[in-house]
């Protein structure tokens, strides 16, 4: 085993642990919804939505 393969395996394990922890949290749904609202709001602002007279 090389250092590269060990690093890849450890990174994958840490990634799975992070996803598991995030999904199991009771606050996940509101956080994801808030992120989606913020993202769509920034897209609308970039497109000029909400500007009066446009």
PDB file of N, CA and C in Angstrom:
ATOM      1  N   UNK A   1       0.842  -1.184   0.000  1.00  0.00           N
ATOM      2  CA  UNK A   1       0.000   0.000   0.000  1.00  0.00           C
ATOM      3  C   UNK A   1       0.884   1.243   0.000  1.00  0.00           C
ATOM      4  N   UNK A   2       0.532   2.142  -0.869  1.00  0.00           N
ATOM      5  CA  UNK A   2       1.277   3.390  -0.909  1.00  0.00           C
ATOM      6  C   UNK A   2       0.578   4.440  -0.054  1.00  0.00           C
ATOM      7  N   UNK A   3       1.304   5.517   0.187  1.00  0.00           N
ATOM      8  CA  UNK A   3       0.739   6.616   0.971  1.00  0.00           C
ATOM      9  C   UNK A   3      -0.486   7.199   0.273  1.00  0.00           C
ATOM     10  N   UNK A   4      -0.454   7.232  -1.059  1.00  0.00           N
ATOM     11  CA  UNK A   4      -1.575   7.780  -1.818  1.00  0.00           C
ATOM     12  C   UNK A   4      -2.850   6.959  -1.594  1.00  0.00           C
ATOM     13  N   UNK A   5      -2.740   5.648  -1.634  1.00  0.00           N
ATOM     14  CA  UNK A   5      -3.932   4.819  -1.439  1.00  0.00           C
ATOM     15  C   UNK A   5      -4.435   4.892   0.004  1.00  0.00           C
ATOM     16  N   UNK A   6      -3.539   4.977   0.956  1.00  0.00           N
ATOM     17  CA  UNK A   6      -3.938   5.108   2.361  1.00  0.00           C
ATOM     18  C   UNK A   6      -4.665   6.437   2.567  1.00  0.00           C
ATOM     19  N   UNK A   7      -4.140   7.495   1.974  1.00  0.00           N
ATOM     20  CA  UNK A   7      -4.770   8.809   2.087  1.00  0.00           C
ATOM     21  C   UNK A   7      -6.153   8.804   1.451  1.00  0.00           C
ATOM     22  N   UNK A   8      -6.277   8.146   0.310  1.00  0.00           N
ATOM     23  CA  UNK A   8      -7.570   8.070  -0.371  1.00  0.00           C
ATOM     24  C   UNK A   8      -8.591   7.321   0.476  1.00  0.00           C
ATOM     25  N   UNK A   9      -8.194   6.217   1.060  1.00  0.00           N
ATOM     26  CA  UNK A   9      -9.095   5.415   1.896  1.00  0.00           C
ATOM     27  C   UNK A   9      -9.510   6.202   3.137  1.00  0.00           C
ATOM     28  N   UNK A  10      -8.551   6.857   3.789  1.00  0.00           N
ATOM     29  CA  UNK A  10      -8.882   7.648   4.976  1.00  0.00           C
ATOM     30  C   UNK A  10      -9.807   8.814   4.620  1.00  0.00           C
ATOM     31  N   UNK A  11      -9.574   9.452   3.489  1.00  0.00           N
ATOM     32  CA  UNK A  11     -10.446  10.535   3.053  1.00  0.00           C
ATOM     33  C   UNK A  11     -11.861  10.054   2.800  1.00  0.00           C
ATOM     34  N   UNK A  12     -11.996   8.873   2.196  1.00  0.00           N
ATOM     35  CA  UNK A  12     -13.322   8.312   1.940  1.00  0.00           C
ATOM     36  C   UNK A  12     -14.037   7.985   3.246  1.00  0.00           C
ATOM     37  N   UNK A  13     -13.328   7.420   4.196  1.00  0.00           N
ATOM     38  CA  UNK A  13     -13.933   7.098   5.489  1.00  0.00           C
ATOM     39  C   UNK A  13     -14.380   8.362   6.221  1.00  0.00           C
ATOM     40  N   UNK A  14     -13.565   9.382   6.176  1.00  0.00           N
ATOM     41  CA  UNK A  14     -13.937  10.646   6.825  1.00  0.00           C
ATOM     42  C   UNK A  14     -15.146  11.258   6.130  1.00  0.00           C
ATOM     43  N   UNK A  15     -15.186  11.175   4.798  1.00  0.00           N
ATOM     44  CA  UNK A  15     -16.332  11.698   4.051  1.00  0.00           C
ATOM     45  C   UNK A  15     -17.623  10.996   4.414  1.00  0.00           C
ATOM     46  N   UNK A  16     -17.584   9.683   4.505  1.00  0.00           N
ATOM     47  CA  UNK A  16     -18.775   8.915   4.875  1.00  0.00           C
ATOM     48  C   UNK A  16     -19.205   9.257   6.295  1.00  0.00           C
ATOM     49  N   UNK A  17     -18.258   9.399   7.197  1.00  0.00           N
ATOM     50  CA  UNK A  17     -18.594   9.753   8.579  1.00  0.00           C
ATOM     51  C   UNK A  17     -19.229  11.140   8.652  1.00  0.00           C
ATOM     52  N   UNK A  18     -18.719  12.077   7.865  1.00  0.00           N
ATOM     53  CA  UNK A  18     -19.289  13.430   7.873  1.00  0.00           C
ATOM     54  C   UNK A  18     -20.715  13.422   7.328  1.00  0.00           C
ATOM     55  N   UNK A  19     -20.942  12.730   6.228  1.00  0.00           N
ATOM     56  CA  UNK A  19     -22.287  12.670   5.647  1.00  0.00           C
ATOM     57  C   UNK A  19     -23.255  12.009   6.617  1.00  0.00           C
ATOM     58  N   UNK A  20     -22.838  10.933   7.249  1.00  0.00           N
ATOM     59  CA  UNK A  20     -23.687  10.237   8.217  1.00  0.00           C
ATOM     60  C   UNK A  20     -24.054  11.156   9.375  1.00  0.00           C
ATOM     61  N   UNK A  21     -23.083  11.889   9.885  1.00  0.00           N
ATOM     62  CA  UNK A  21     -23.330  12.799  10.995  1.00  0.00           C
ATOM     63  C   UNK A  21     -24.285  13.912  10.592  1.00  0.00           C
ATOM     64  N   UNK A  22     -24.090  14.468   9.405  1.00  0.00           N
ATOM     65  CA  UNK A  22     -24.936  15.570   8.941  1.00  0.00           C
ATOM     66  C   UNK A  22     -26.367  15.097   8.723  1.00  0.00           C
ATOM     67  N   UNK A  23     -26.539  13.938   8.103  1.00  0.00           N
ATOM     68  CA  UNK A  23     -27.879  13.438   7.793  1.00  0.00           C
ATOM     69  C   UNK A  23     -28.643  13.065   9.055  1.00  0.00           C
ATOM     70  N   UNK A  24     -27.958  12.575  10.051  1.00  0.00           N
ATOM     71  CA  UNK A  24     -28.627  12.155  11.288  1.00  0.00           C
ATOM     72  C   UNK A  24     -29.011  13.328  12.179  1.00  0.00           C
ATOM     73  N   UNK A  25     -28.475  14.509  11.918  1.00  0.00           N
ATOM     74  CA  UNK A  25     -28.768  15.673  12.747  1.00  0.00           C
ATOM     75  C   UNK A  25     -30.214  16.120  12.549  1.00  0.00           C
ATOM     76  N   UNK A  26     -30.917  16.459  13.640  1.00  0.00           N
ATOM     77  CA  UNK A  26     -32.315  16.901  13.497  1.00  0.00           C
ATOM     78  C   UNK A  26     -32.445  18.265  12.829  1.00  0.00           C
ATOM     79  N   UNK A  27     -31.368  19.018  12.750  1.00  0.00           N
ATOM     80  CA  UNK A  27     -31.418  20.351  12.145  1.00  0.00           C
ATOM     81  C   UNK A  27     -31.083  20.347  10.663  1.00  0.00           C
ATOM     82  N   UNK A  28     -30.912  19.189  10.055  1.00  0.00           N
ATOM     83  CA  UNK A  28     -30.464  19.115   8.673  1.00  0.00           C
ATOM     84  C   UNK A  28     -31.461  19.747   7.708  1.00  0.00           C
ATOM     85  N   UNK A  29     -32.735  19.422   7.817  1.00  0.00           N
ATOM     86  CA  UNK A  29     -33.729  19.928   6.866  1.00  0.00           C
ATOM     87  C   UNK A  29     -33.815  21.451   6.870  1.00  0.00           C
ATOM     88  N   UNK A  30     -33.909  22.108   8.021  1.00  0.00           N
ATOM     89  CA  UNK A  30     -33.955  23.579   7.987  1.00  0.00           C
ATOM     90  C   UNK A  30     -32.685  24.206   7.421  1.00  0.00           C
ATOM     91  N   UNK A  31     -31.543  23.596   7.688  1.00  0.00           N
ATOM     92  CA  UNK A  31     -30.286  24.141   7.180  1.00  0.00           C
ATOM     93  C   UNK A  31     -30.234  24.014   5.661  1.00  0.00           C
ATOM     94  N   UNK A  32     -30.627  22.861   5.131  1.00  0.00           N
ATOM     95  CA  UNK A  32     -30.628  22.661   3.686  1.00  0.00           C
ATOM     96  C   UNK A  32     -31.621  23.613   3.025  1.00  0.00           C
ATOM     97  N   UNK A  33     -32.792  23.805   3.637  1.00  0.00           N
ATOM     98  CA  UNK A  33     -33.787  24.731   3.081  1.00  0.00           C
ATOM     99  C   UNK A  33     -33.255  26.159   3.088  1.00  0.00           C
ATOM    100  N   UNK A  34     -32.615  26.570   4.165  1.00  0.00           N
ATOM    101  CA  UNK A  34     -32.056  27.919   4.241  1.00  0.00           C
ATOM    102  C   UNK A  34     -30.963  28.116   3.195  1.00  0.00           C
ATOM    103  N   UNK A  35     -30.134  27.105   3.004  1.00  0.00           N
ATOM    104  CA  UNK A  35     -29.089  27.192   1.982  1.00  0.00           C
ATOM    105  C   UNK A  35     -29.707  27.317   0.592  1.00  0.00           C
ATOM    106  N   UNK A  36     -30.738  26.544   0.319  1.00  0.00           N
ATOM    107  CA  UNK A  36     -31.418  26.617  -0.977  1.00  0.00           C
ATOM    108  C   UNK A  36     -32.069  27.967  -1.199  1.00  0.00           C
ATOM    109  N   UNK A  37     -32.707  28.513  -0.167  1.00  0.00           N
ATOM    110  CA  UNK A  37     -33.321  29.833  -0.278  1.00  0.00           C
ATOM    111  C   UNK A  37     -32.270  30.910  -0.540  1.00  0.00           C
ATOM    112  N   UNK A  38     -31.147  30.824   0.154  1.00  0.00           N
ATOM    113  CA  UNK A  38     -30.077  31.805  -0.042  1.00  0.00           C
ATOM    114  C   UNK A  38     -29.495  31.692  -1.443  1.00  0.00           C
ATOM    115  N   UNK A  39     -29.318  30.467  -1.914  1.00  0.00           N
ATOM    116  CA  UNK A  39     -28.761  30.256  -3.252  1.00  0.00           C
ATOM    117  C   UNK A  39     -29.711  30.791  -4.319  1.00  0.00           C
ATOM    118  N   UNK A  40     -30.994  30.466  -4.206  1.00  0.00           N
ATOM    119  CA  UNK A  40     -31.947  30.945  -5.210  1.00  0.00           C
ATOM    120  C   UNK A  40     -32.090  32.460  -5.132  1.00  0.00           C
ATOM    121  N   UNK A  41     -32.003  33.034  -3.942  1.00  0.00           N
ATOM    122  CA  UNK A  41     -32.045  34.483  -3.804  1.00  0.00           C
ATOM    123  C   UNK A  41     -30.859  35.153  -4.476  1.00  0.00           C
ATOM    124  N   UNK A  42     -29.680  34.550  -4.353  1.00  0.00           N
ATOM    125  CA  UNK A  42     -28.506  35.142  -4.996  1.00  0.00           C
ATOM    126  C   UNK A  42     -28.589  35.009  -6.514  1.00  0.00           C
ATOM    127  N   UNK A  43     -29.149  33.916  -7.002  1.00  0.00           N
ATOM    128  CA  UNK A  43     -29.338  33.758  -8.452  1.00  0.00           C
ATOM    129  C   UNK A  43     -30.335  34.800  -8.956  1.00  0.00           C
ATOM    130  N   UNK A  44     -31.436  34.986  -8.240  1.00  0.00           N
ATOM    131  CA  UNK A  44     -32.421  35.994  -8.637  1.00  0.00           C
ATOM    132  C   UNK A  44     -31.810  37.396  -8.623  1.00  0.00           C
ATOM    133  N   UNK A  45     -31.002  37.696  -7.632  1.00  0.00           N
ATOM    134  CA  UNK A  45     -30.361  39.004  -7.564  1.00  0.00           C
ATOM    135  C   UNK A  45     -29.390  39.191  -8.733  1.00  0.00           C
ATOM    136  N   UNK A  46     -28.668  38.142  -9.078  1.00  0.00           N
ATOM    137  CA  UNK A  46     -27.720  38.237 -10.188  1.00  0.00           C
ATOM    138  C   UNK A  46     -28.447  38.442 -11.517  1.00  0.00           C
ATOM    139  N   UNK A  47     -29.656  37.900 -11.622  1.00  0.00           N
ATOM    140  CA  UNK A  47     -30.443  38.050 -12.851  1.00  0.00           C
ATOM    141  C   UNK A  47     -31.238  39.330 -12.857  1.00  0.00           C
ATOM    142  N   UNK A  48     -31.232  40.081 -11.771  1.00  0.00           N
ATOM    143  CA  UNK A  48     -31.928  41.349 -11.725  1.00  0.00           C
ATOM    144  C   UNK A  48     -33.364  41.254 -11.284  1.00  0.00           C
ATOM    145  N   UNK A  49     -33.779  40.125 -10.757  1.00  0.00           N
ATOM    146  CA  UNK A  49     -35.154  39.970 -10.279  1.00  0.00           C
ATOM    147  C   UNK A  49     -35.362  40.866  -9.062  1.00  0.00           C
ATOM    148  N   UNK A  50     -36.520  41.449  -8.977  1.00  0.00           N
ATOM    149  CA  UNK A  50     -36.837  42.290  -7.839  1.00  0.00           C
ATOM    150  C   UNK A  50     -36.469  43.750  -8.024  1.00  0.00           C
ATOM    151  N   UNK A  51     -35.875  44.086  -9.170  1.00  0.00           N
ATOM    152  CA  UNK A  51     -35.525  45.474  -9.429  1.00  0.00           C
ATOM    153  C   UNK A  51     -36.750  46.163 -10.051  1.00  0.00           C
ATOM    154  N   UNK A  52     -37.169  47.250  -9.443  1.00  0.00           N
ATOM    155  CA  UNK A  52     -38.360  47.968  -9.897  1.00  0.00           C
ATOM    156  C   UNK A  52     -38.043  48.644 -11.235  1.00  0.00           C
ATOM    157  N   UNK A  53     -38.962  48.503 -12.179  1.00  0.00           N
ATOM    158  CA  UNK A  53     -38.804  49.151 -13.468  1.00  0.00           C
ATOM    159  C   UNK A  53     -38.025  48.346 -14.480  1.00  0.00           C
ATOM    160  N   UNK A  54     -37.740  47.142 -14.182  1.00  0.00           N
ATOM    161  CA  UNK A  54     -36.980  46.318 -15.124  1.00  0.00           C
ATOM    162  C   UNK A  54     -37.870  45.330 -15.806  1.00  0.00           C
TER     163      UNK A  54
END
